[in-house]
Amino acid sequence: IGSWHALAQISAGAKLAHTKAAVAAVFPSWAPLN
Protein backbone atom coordinates (compact mmCIF):
# COMPACT_ATOMS: atom_id res chain seq x y z
CA ILE A 1 0.00 0.00 0.00
CA GLY A 2 2.91 2.34 0.76
CA SER A 3 4.37 1.66 -2.68
CA TRP A 4 1.05 2.57 -4.30
CA HIS A 5 1.05 5.85 -2.40
CA ALA A 6 4.62 6.58 -3.56
CA LEU A 7 3.75 5.76 -7.18
CA ALA A 8 0.73 8.05 -7.00
CA GLN A 9 3.09 10.96 -6.41
CA ILE A 10 4.61 10.53 -9.89
CA SER A 11 1.47 9.70 -11.91
CA ALA A 12 -0.90 12.41 -13.14
CA GLY A 13 -4.24 12.41 -11.35
CA ALA A 14 -3.39 9.34 -9.25
CA LYS A 15 -4.33 8.91 -5.62
CA LEU A 16 -4.79 6.39 -2.84
CA ALA A 17 -8.43 6.26 -1.77
CA HIS A 18 -10.05 4.62 1.26
CA THR A 19 -13.55 3.25 1.69
CA LYS A 20 -14.93 1.72 4.86
CA ALA A 21 -13.52 -1.70 3.96
CA ALA A 22 -10.88 -1.24 1.29
CA VAL A 23 -7.93 0.79 0.09
CA ALA A 24 -7.84 1.58 -3.62
CA ALA A 25 -5.04 2.68 -5.93
CA VAL A 26 -6.59 5.02 -8.50
CA PHE A 27 -4.40 5.65 -11.54
CA PRO A 28 -6.30 7.25 -14.44
CA SER A 29 -3.19 7.28 -16.65
CA TRP A 30 -1.59 3.97 -15.57
CA ALA A 31 -4.15 1.22 -16.07
CA PRO A 32 -2.34 -1.81 -14.54
CA LEU A 33 -2.14 -0.08 -11.15
CA ASN A 34 -5.89 0.28 -10.65
ModelCIF file with pLDDT and N, C-alpha, C, O atoms, coordinates in Angstrom:
data_MODEL
#
_entry.id   MODEL 
#
_entity.id                         1 
_entity.type                       polymer 
_entity.pdbx_number_of_molecules   1 
#
_entity_poly.entity_id                      1 
_entity_poly.type                           'polypeptide(L)' 
_entity_poly.nstd_linkage                   no 
_entity_poly.nstd_monomer                   no 
_entity_poly.pdbx_seq_one_letter_code       IGSWHALAQISAGAKLAHTKAAVAAVFPSWAPLN 
_entity_poly.pdbx_seq_one_letter_code_can   IGSWHALAQISAGAKLAHTKAAVAAVFPSWAPLN 
_entity_poly.pdbx_strand_id                 A 
#
loop_
_entity_poly_seq.entity_id 
_entity_poly_seq.num 
_entity_poly_seq.mon_id 
_entity_poly_seq.hetero 
1 1  ILE n 
1 2  GLY n 
1 3  SER n 
1 4  TRP n 
1 5  HIS n 
1 6  ALA n 
1 7  LEU n 
1 8  ALA n 
1 9  GLN n 
1 10 ILE n 
1 11 SER n 
1 12 ALA n 
1 13 GLY n 
1 14 ALA n 
1 15 LYS n 
1 16 LEU n 
1 17 ALA n 
1 18 HIS n 
1 19 THR n 
1 20 LYS n 
1 21 ALA n 
1 22 ALA n 
1 23 VAL n 
1 24 ALA n 
1 25 ALA n 
1 26 VAL n 
1 27 PHE n 
1 28 PRO n 
1 29 SER n 
1 30 TRP n 
1 31 ALA n 
1 32 PRO n 
1 33 LEU n 
1 34 ASN n 
#
_struct_asym.id          A 
_struct_asym.entity_id   1 
#
loop_
_ma_qa_metric.id 
_ma_qa_metric.mode 
_ma_qa_metric.name 
_ma_qa_metric.software_group_id 
_ma_qa_metric.type 
1 global pLDDT . pLDDT 
2 local  pLDDT . pLDDT 
#
_ma_qa_metric_global.metric_id      1 
_ma_qa_metric_global.metric_value   95.44 
_ma_qa_metric_global.model_id       1 
_ma_qa_metric_global.ordinal_id     1 
#
loop_
_ma_qa_metric_local.label_asym_id 
_ma_qa_metric_local.label_comp_id 
_ma_qa_metric_local.label_seq_id 
_ma_qa_metric_local.metric_id 
_ma_qa_metric_local.metric_value 
_ma_qa_metric_local.model_id 
_ma_qa_metric_local.ordinal_id 
A ILE 1  2 98.00 1 1  
A GLY 2  2 97.00 1 2  
A SER 3  2 97.00 1 3  
A TRP 4  2 97.00 1 4  
A HIS 5  2 96.00 1 5  
A ALA 6  2 96.00 1 6  
A LEU 7  2 96.00 1 7  
A ALA 8  2 96.00 1 8  
A GLN 9  2 93.00 1 9  
A ILE 10 2 91.00 1 10 
A SER 11 2 92.00 1 11 
A ALA 12 2 92.00 1 12 
A GLY 13 2 95.00 1 13 
A ALA 14 2 97.00 1 14 
A LYS 15 2 97.00 1 15 
A LEU 16 2 97.00 1 16 
A ALA 17 2 97.00 1 17 
A HIS 18 2 94.00 1 18 
A THR 19 2 92.00 1 19 
A LYS 20 2 89.00 1 20 
A ALA 21 2 94.00 1 21 
A ALA 22 2 96.00 1 22 
A VAL 23 2 97.00 1 23 
A ALA 24 2 98.00 1 24 
A ALA 25 2 98.00 1 25 
A VAL 26 2 98.00 1 26 
A PHE 27 2 98.00 1 27 
A PRO 28 2 97.00 1 28 
A SER 29 2 94.00 1 29 
A TRP 30 2 94.00 1 30 
A ALA 31 2 94.00 1 31 
A PRO 32 2 94.00 1 32 
A LEU 33 2 96.00 1 33 
A ASN 34 2 98.00 1 34 
#
loop_
_atom_site.group_PDB 
_atom_site.id 
_atom_site.type_symbol 
_atom_site.label_atom_id 
_atom_site.label_alt_id 
_atom_site.label_comp_id 
_atom_site.label_asym_id 
_atom_site.label_entity_id 
_atom_site.label_seq_id 
_atom_site.pdbx_PDB_ins_code 
_atom_site.Cartn_x 
_atom_site.Cartn_y 
_atom_site.Cartn_z 
_atom_site.occupancy 
_atom_site.B_iso_or_equiv 
_atom_site.pdbx_formal_charge 
_atom_site.auth_seq_id 
_atom_site.auth_comp_id 
_atom_site.auth_asym_id 
_atom_site.auth_atom_id 
_atom_site.pdbx_PDB_model_num 
ATOM 1   N N  . ILE A 1 1  ? 0.838   -1.197 0.000   1.00 98.00 ? 1  ILE A N  1 
ATOM 2   C CA . ILE A 1 1  ? 0.000   0.000  0.000   1.00 98.00 ? 1  ILE A CA 1 
ATOM 3   C C  . ILE A 1 1  ? 0.881   1.259  0.000   1.00 98.00 ? 1  ILE A C  1 
ATOM 4   O O  . ILE A 1 1  ? 0.571   2.242  -0.672  1.00 98.00 ? 1  ILE A O  1 
ATOM 5   N N  . GLY A 1 2  ? 1.982   1.213  0.761   1.00 97.00 ? 2  GLY A N  1 
ATOM 6   C CA . GLY A 1 2  ? 2.907   2.338  0.759   1.00 97.00 ? 2  GLY A CA 1 
ATOM 7   C C  . GLY A 1 2  ? 3.517   2.579  -0.613  1.00 97.00 ? 2  GLY A C  1 
ATOM 8   O O  . GLY A 1 2  ? 3.726   3.725  -1.011  1.00 97.00 ? 2  GLY A O  1 
ATOM 9   N N  . SER A 1 3  ? 3.802   1.506  -1.335  1.00 97.00 ? 3  SER A N  1 
ATOM 10  C CA . SER A 1 3  ? 4.373   1.659  -2.683  1.00 97.00 ? 3  SER A CA 1 
ATOM 11  C C  . SER A 1 3  ? 3.363   2.293  -3.627  1.00 97.00 ? 3  SER A C  1 
ATOM 12  O O  . SER A 1 3  ? 3.735   3.091  -4.488  1.00 97.00 ? 3  SER A O  1 
ATOM 13  N N  . TRP A 1 4  ? 2.072   1.942  -3.471  1.00 97.00 ? 4  TRP A N  1 
ATOM 14  C CA . TRP A 1 4  ? 1.047   2.569  -4.296  1.00 97.00 ? 4  TRP A CA 1 
ATOM 15  C C  . TRP A 1 4  ? 0.990   4.070  -4.023  1.00 97.00 ? 4  TRP A C  1 
ATOM 16  O O  . TRP A 1 4  ? 0.863   4.874  -4.947  1.00 97.00 ? 4  TRP A O  1 
ATOM 17  N N  . HIS A 1 5  ? 1.084   4.434  -2.765  1.00 96.00 ? 5  HIS A N  1 
ATOM 18  C CA . HIS A 1 5  ? 1.054   5.854  -2.404  1.00 96.00 ? 5  HIS A CA 1 
ATOM 19  C C  . HIS A 1 5  ? 2.245   6.584  -3.030  1.00 96.00 ? 5  HIS A C  1 
ATOM 20  O O  . HIS A 1 5  ? 2.098   7.692  -3.546  1.00 96.00 ? 5  HIS A O  1 
ATOM 21  N N  . ALA A 1 6  ? 3.423   5.957  -2.982  1.00 96.00 ? 6  ALA A N  1 
ATOM 22  C CA . ALA A 1 6  ? 4.618   6.576  -3.565  1.00 96.00 ? 6  ALA A CA 1 
ATOM 23  C C  . ALA A 1 6  ? 4.478   6.713  -5.077  1.00 96.00 ? 6  ALA A C  1 
ATOM 24  O O  . ALA A 1 6  ? 4.868   7.733  -5.646  1.00 96.00 ? 6  ALA A O  1 
ATOM 25  N N  . LEU A 1 7  ? 3.927   5.699  -5.728  1.00 96.00 ? 7  LEU A N  1 
ATOM 26  C CA . LEU A 1 7  ? 3.748   5.759  -7.177  1.00 96.00 ? 7  LEU A CA 1 
ATOM 27  C C  . LEU A 1 7  ? 2.728   6.821  -7.572  1.00 96.00 ? 7  LEU A C  1 
ATOM 28  O O  . LEU A 1 7  ? 2.829   7.430  -8.638  1.00 96.00 ? 7  LEU A O  1 
ATOM 29  N N  . ALA A 1 8  ? 1.740   7.037  -6.696  1.00 96.00 ? 8  ALA A N  1 
ATOM 30  C CA . ALA A 1 8  ? 0.726   8.049  -6.999  1.00 96.00 ? 8  ALA A CA 1 
ATOM 31  C C  . ALA A 1 8  ? 1.325   9.446  -7.071  1.00 96.00 ? 8  ALA A C  1 
ATOM 32  O O  . ALA A 1 8  ? 0.770   10.332 -7.722  1.00 96.00 ? 8  ALA A O  1 
ATOM 33  N N  . GLN A 1 9  ? 2.468   9.644  -6.396  1.00 93.00 ? 9  GLN A N  1 
ATOM 34  C CA . GLN A 1 9  ? 3.091   10.960 -6.407  1.00 93.00 ? 9  GLN A CA 1 
ATOM 35  C C  . GLN A 1 9  ? 3.717   11.294 -7.763  1.00 93.00 ? 9  GLN A C  1 
ATOM 36  O O  . GLN A 1 9  ? 3.993   12.462 -8.041  1.00 93.00 ? 9  GLN A O  1 
ATOM 37  N N  . ILE A 1 10 ? 3.945   10.287 -8.609  1.00 91.00 ? 10 ILE A N  1 
ATOM 38  C CA . ILE A 1 10 ? 4.609   10.532 -9.892  1.00 91.00 ? 10 ILE A CA 1 
ATOM 39  C C  . ILE A 1 10 ? 3.699   10.220 -11.079 1.00 91.00 ? 10 ILE A C  1 
ATOM 40  O O  . ILE A 1 10 ? 4.168   10.172 -12.216 1.00 91.00 ? 10 ILE A O  1 
ATOM 41  N N  . SER A 1 11 ? 2.411   10.009 -10.835 1.00 92.00 ? 11 SER A N  1 
ATOM 42  C CA . SER A 1 11 ? 1.471   9.704  -11.912 1.00 92.00 ? 11 SER A CA 1 
ATOM 43  C C  . SER A 1 11 ? 0.347   10.729 -11.906 1.00 92.00 ? 11 SER A C  1 
ATOM 44  O O  . SER A 1 11 ? -0.279  10.958 -10.871 1.00 92.00 ? 11 SER A O  1 
ATOM 45  N N  . ALA A 1 12 ? 0.089   11.341 -13.042 1.00 92.00 ? 12 ALA A N  1 
ATOM 46  C CA . ALA A 1 12 ? -0.899  12.414 -13.141 1.00 92.00 ? 12 ALA A CA 1 
ATOM 47  C C  . ALA A 1 12 ? -2.281  11.954 -12.704 1.00 92.00 ? 12 ALA A C  1 
ATOM 48  O O  . ALA A 1 12 ? -2.789  10.949 -13.202 1.00 92.00 ? 12 ALA A O  1 
ATOM 49  N N  . GLY A 1 13 ? -2.882  12.674 -11.788 1.00 95.00 ? 13 GLY A N  1 
ATOM 50  C CA . GLY A 1 13 ? -4.244  12.410 -11.349 1.00 95.00 ? 13 GLY A CA 1 
ATOM 51  C C  . GLY A 1 13 ? -4.406  11.217 -10.440 1.00 95.00 ? 13 GLY A C  1 
ATOM 52  O O  . GLY A 1 13 ? -5.531  10.881 -10.067 1.00 95.00 ? 13 GLY A O  1 
ATOM 53  N N  . ALA A 1 14 ? -3.307  10.557 -10.066 1.00 97.00 ? 14 ALA A N  1 
ATOM 54  C CA . ALA A 1 14 ? -3.393  9.337  -9.254  1.00 97.00 ? 14 ALA A CA 1 
ATOM 55  C C  . ALA A 1 14 ? -3.578  9.675  -7.779  1.00 97.00 ? 14 ALA A C  1 
ATOM 56  O O  . ALA A 1 14 ? -3.216  10.759 -7.322  1.00 97.00 ? 14 ALA A O  1 
ATOM 57  N N  . LYS A 1 15 ? -4.145  8.729  -7.052  1.00 97.00 ? 15 LYS A N  1 
ATOM 58  C CA . LYS A 1 15 ? -4.334  8.909  -5.616  1.00 97.00 ? 15 LYS A CA 1 
ATOM 59  C C  . LYS A 1 15 ? -4.569  7.559  -4.959  1.00 97.00 ? 15 LYS A C  1 
ATOM 60  O O  . LYS A 1 15 ? -4.872  6.565  -5.620  1.00 97.00 ? 15 LYS A O  1 
ATOM 61  N N  . LEU A 1 16 ? -4.421  7.550  -3.643  1.00 97.00 ? 16 LEU A N  1 
ATOM 62  C CA . LEU A 1 16 ? -4.787  6.387  -2.843  1.00 97.00 ? 16 LEU A CA 1 
ATOM 63  C C  . LEU A 1 16 ? -6.081  6.749  -2.129  1.00 97.00 ? 16 LEU A C  1 
ATOM 64  O O  . LEU A 1 16 ? -6.132  7.736  -1.395  1.00 97.00 ? 16 LEU A O  1 
ATOM 65  N N  . ALA A 1 17 ? -7.123  5.958  -2.340  1.00 97.00 ? 17 ALA A N  1 
ATOM 66  C CA . ALA A 1 17 ? -8.435  6.255  -1.769  1.00 97.00 ? 17 ALA A CA 1 
ATOM 67  C C  . ALA A 1 17 ? -8.841  5.166  -0.792  1.00 97.00 ? 17 ALA A C  1 
ATOM 68  O O  . ALA A 1 17 ? -8.472  4.003  -0.950  1.00 97.00 ? 17 ALA A O  1 
ATOM 69  N N  . HIS A 1 18 ? -9.612  5.562  0.230   1.00 94.00 ? 18 HIS A N  1 
ATOM 70  C CA . HIS A 1 18 ? -10.049 4.619  1.259   1.00 94.00 ? 18 HIS A CA 1 
ATOM 71  C C  . HIS A 1 18 ? -11.577 4.609  1.326   1.00 94.00 ? 18 HIS A C  1 
ATOM 72  O O  . HIS A 1 18 ? -12.217 5.661  1.341   1.00 94.00 ? 18 HIS A O  1 
ATOM 73  N N  . THR A 1 19 ? -12.141 3.416  1.366   1.00 92.00 ? 19 THR A N  1 
ATOM 74  C CA . THR A 1 19 ? -13.550 3.247  1.689   1.00 92.00 ? 19 THR A CA 1 
ATOM 75  C C  . THR A 1 19 ? -13.622 2.639  3.085   1.00 92.00 ? 19 THR A C  1 
ATOM 76  O O  . THR A 1 19 ? -12.597 2.489  3.751   1.00 92.00 ? 19 THR A O  1 
ATOM 77  N N  . LYS A 1 20 ? -14.802 2.295  3.523   1.00 89.00 ? 20 LYS A N  1 
ATOM 78  C CA . LYS A 1 20 ? -14.934 1.721  4.859   1.00 89.00 ? 20 LYS A CA 1 
ATOM 79  C C  . LYS A 1 20 ? -14.209 0.386  4.986   1.00 89.00 ? 20 LYS A C  1 
ATOM 80  O O  . LYS A 1 20 ? -13.780 0.020  6.080   1.00 89.00 ? 20 LYS A O  1 
ATOM 81  N N  . ALA A 1 21 ? -14.067 -0.346 3.882   1.00 94.00 ? 21 ALA A N  1 
ATOM 82  C CA . ALA A 1 21 ? -13.523 -1.697 3.961   1.00 94.00 ? 21 ALA A CA 1 
ATOM 83  C C  . ALA A 1 21 ? -12.339 -1.961 3.055   1.00 94.00 ? 21 ALA A C  1 
ATOM 84  O O  . ALA A 1 21 ? -11.801 -3.068 3.053   1.00 94.00 ? 21 ALA A O  1 
ATOM 85  N N  . ALA A 1 22 ? -11.920 -0.967 2.284   1.00 96.00 ? 22 ALA A N  1 
ATOM 86  C CA . ALA A 1 22 ? -10.878 -1.236 1.292   1.00 96.00 ? 22 ALA A CA 1 
ATOM 87  C C  . ALA A 1 22 ? -9.974  -0.023 1.112   1.00 96.00 ? 22 ALA A C  1 
ATOM 88  O O  . ALA A 1 22 ? -10.314 1.096  1.495   1.00 96.00 ? 22 ALA A O  1 
ATOM 89  N N  . VAL A 1 23 ? -8.821  -0.279 0.521   1.00 97.00 ? 23 VAL A N  1 
ATOM 90  C CA . VAL A 1 23 ? -7.929  0.788  0.089   1.00 97.00 ? 23 VAL A CA 1 
ATOM 91  C C  . VAL A 1 23 ? -7.715  0.594  -1.408  1.00 97.00 ? 23 VAL A C  1 
ATOM 92  O O  . VAL A 1 23 ? -7.436  -0.514 -1.866  1.00 97.00 ? 23 VAL A O  1 
ATOM 93  N N  . ALA A 1 24 ? -7.847  1.676  -2.163  1.00 98.00 ? 24 ALA A N  1 
ATOM 94  C CA . ALA A 1 24 ? -7.840  1.582  -3.619  1.00 98.00 ? 24 ALA A CA 1 
ATOM 95  C C  . ALA A 1 24 ? -6.760  2.473  -4.219  1.00 98.00 ? 24 ALA A C  1 
ATOM 96  O O  . ALA A 1 24 ? -6.630  3.642  -3.857  1.00 98.00 ? 24 ALA A O  1 
ATOM 97  N N  . ALA A 1 25 ? -5.995  1.909  -5.134  1.00 98.00 ? 25 ALA A N  1 
ATOM 98  C CA . ALA A 1 25 ? -5.044  2.677  -5.930  1.00 98.00 ? 25 ALA A CA 1 
ATOM 99  C C  . ALA A 1 25 ? -5.777  3.140  -7.180  1.00 98.00 ? 25 ALA A C  1 
ATOM 100 O O  . ALA A 1 25 ? -6.265  2.319  -7.956  1.00 98.00 ? 25 ALA A O  1 
ATOM 101 N N  . VAL A 1 26 ? -5.855  4.449  -7.377  1.00 98.00 ? 26 VAL A N  1 
ATOM 102 C CA . VAL A 1 26 ? -6.594  5.023  -8.500  1.00 98.00 ? 26 VAL A CA 1 
ATOM 103 C C  . VAL A 1 26 ? -5.593  5.715  -9.416  1.00 98.00 ? 26 VAL A C  1 
ATOM 104 O O  . VAL A 1 26 ? -5.013  6.740  -9.058  1.00 98.00 ? 26 VAL A O  1 
ATOM 105 N N  . PHE A 1 27 ? -5.398  5.148  -10.596 1.00 98.00 ? 27 PHE A N  1 
ATOM 106 C CA . PHE A 1 27 ? -4.395  5.648  -11.543 1.00 98.00 ? 27 PHE A CA 1 
ATOM 107 C C  . PHE A 1 27 ? -5.043  5.849  -12.910 1.00 98.00 ? 27 PHE A C  1 
ATOM 108 O O  . PHE A 1 27 ? -5.011  4.940  -13.740 1.00 98.00 ? 27 PHE A O  1 
ATOM 109 N N  . PRO A 1 28 ? -5.627  7.017  -13.162 1.00 97.00 ? 28 PRO A N  1 
ATOM 110 C CA . PRO A 1 28 ? -6.301  7.253  -14.443 1.00 97.00 ? 28 PRO A CA 1 
ATOM 111 C C  . PRO A 1 28 ? -5.382  7.104  -15.659 1.00 97.00 ? 28 PRO A C  1 
ATOM 112 O O  . PRO A 1 28 ? -5.855  6.763  -16.743 1.00 97.00 ? 28 PRO A O  1 
ATOM 113 N N  . SER A 1 29 ? -4.083  7.353  -15.500 1.00 94.00 ? 29 SER A N  1 
ATOM 114 C CA . SER A 1 29 ? -3.185  7.281  -16.647 1.00 94.00 ? 29 SER A CA 1 
ATOM 115 C C  . SER A 1 29 ? -2.228  6.099  -16.587 1.00 94.00 ? 29 SER A C  1 
ATOM 116 O O  . SER A 1 29 ? -1.263  6.057  -17.350 1.00 94.00 ? 29 SER A O  1 
ATOM 117 N N  . TRP A 1 30 ? -2.472  5.132  -15.695 1.00 94.00 ? 30 TRP A N  1 
ATOM 118 C CA . TRP A 1 30 ? -1.586  3.969  -15.570 1.00 94.00 ? 30 TRP A CA 1 
ATOM 119 C C  . TRP A 1 30 ? -2.455  2.758  -15.232 1.00 94.00 ? 30 TRP A C  1 
ATOM 120 O O  . TRP A 1 30 ? -2.538  2.340  -14.077 1.00 94.00 ? 30 TRP A O  1 
ATOM 121 N N  . ALA A 1 31 ? -3.090  2.212  -16.242 1.00 94.00 ? 31 ALA A N  1 
ATOM 122 C CA . ALA A 1 31 ? -4.154  1.218  -16.068 1.00 94.00 ? 31 ALA A CA 1 
ATOM 123 C C  . ALA A 1 31 ? -3.790  0.016  -15.195 1.00 94.00 ? 31 ALA A C  1 
ATOM 124 O O  . ALA A 1 31 ? -4.612  -0.371 -14.365 1.00 94.00 ? 31 ALA A O  1 
ATOM 125 N N  . PRO A 1 32 ? -2.611  -0.599 -15.330 1.00 94.00 ? 32 PRO A N  1 
ATOM 126 C CA . PRO A 1 32 ? -2.342  -1.807 -14.539 1.00 94.00 ? 32 PRO A CA 1 
ATOM 127 C C  . PRO A 1 32 ? -2.320  -1.592 -13.028 1.00 94.00 ? 32 PRO A C  1 
ATOM 128 O O  . PRO A 1 32 ? -2.381  -2.556 -12.264 1.00 94.00 ? 32 PRO A O  1 
ATOM 129 N N  . LEU A 1 33 ? -2.234  -0.341 -12.595 1.00 96.00 ? 33 LEU A N  1 
ATOM 130 C CA . LEU A 1 33 ? -2.139  -0.079 -11.155 1.00 96.00 ? 33 LEU A CA 1 
ATOM 131 C C  . LEU A 1 33 ? -3.484  0.177  -10.496 1.00 96.00 ? 33 LEU A C  1 
ATOM 132 O O  . LEU A 1 33 ? -3.532  0.491  -9.306  1.00 96.00 ? 33 LEU A O  1 
ATOM 133 N N  . ASN A 1 34 ? -4.567  0.053  -11.233 1.00 98.00 ? 34 ASN A N  1 
ATOM 134 C CA . ASN A 1 34 ? -5.888  0.280  -10.649 1.00 98.00 ? 34 ASN A CA 1 
ATOM 135 C C  . ASN A 1 34 ? -6.357  -0.980 -9.922  1.00 98.00 ? 34 ASN A C  1 
ATOM 136 O O  . ASN A 1 34 ? -7.452  -0.996 -9.359  1.00 98.00 ? 34 ASN A O  1 
#
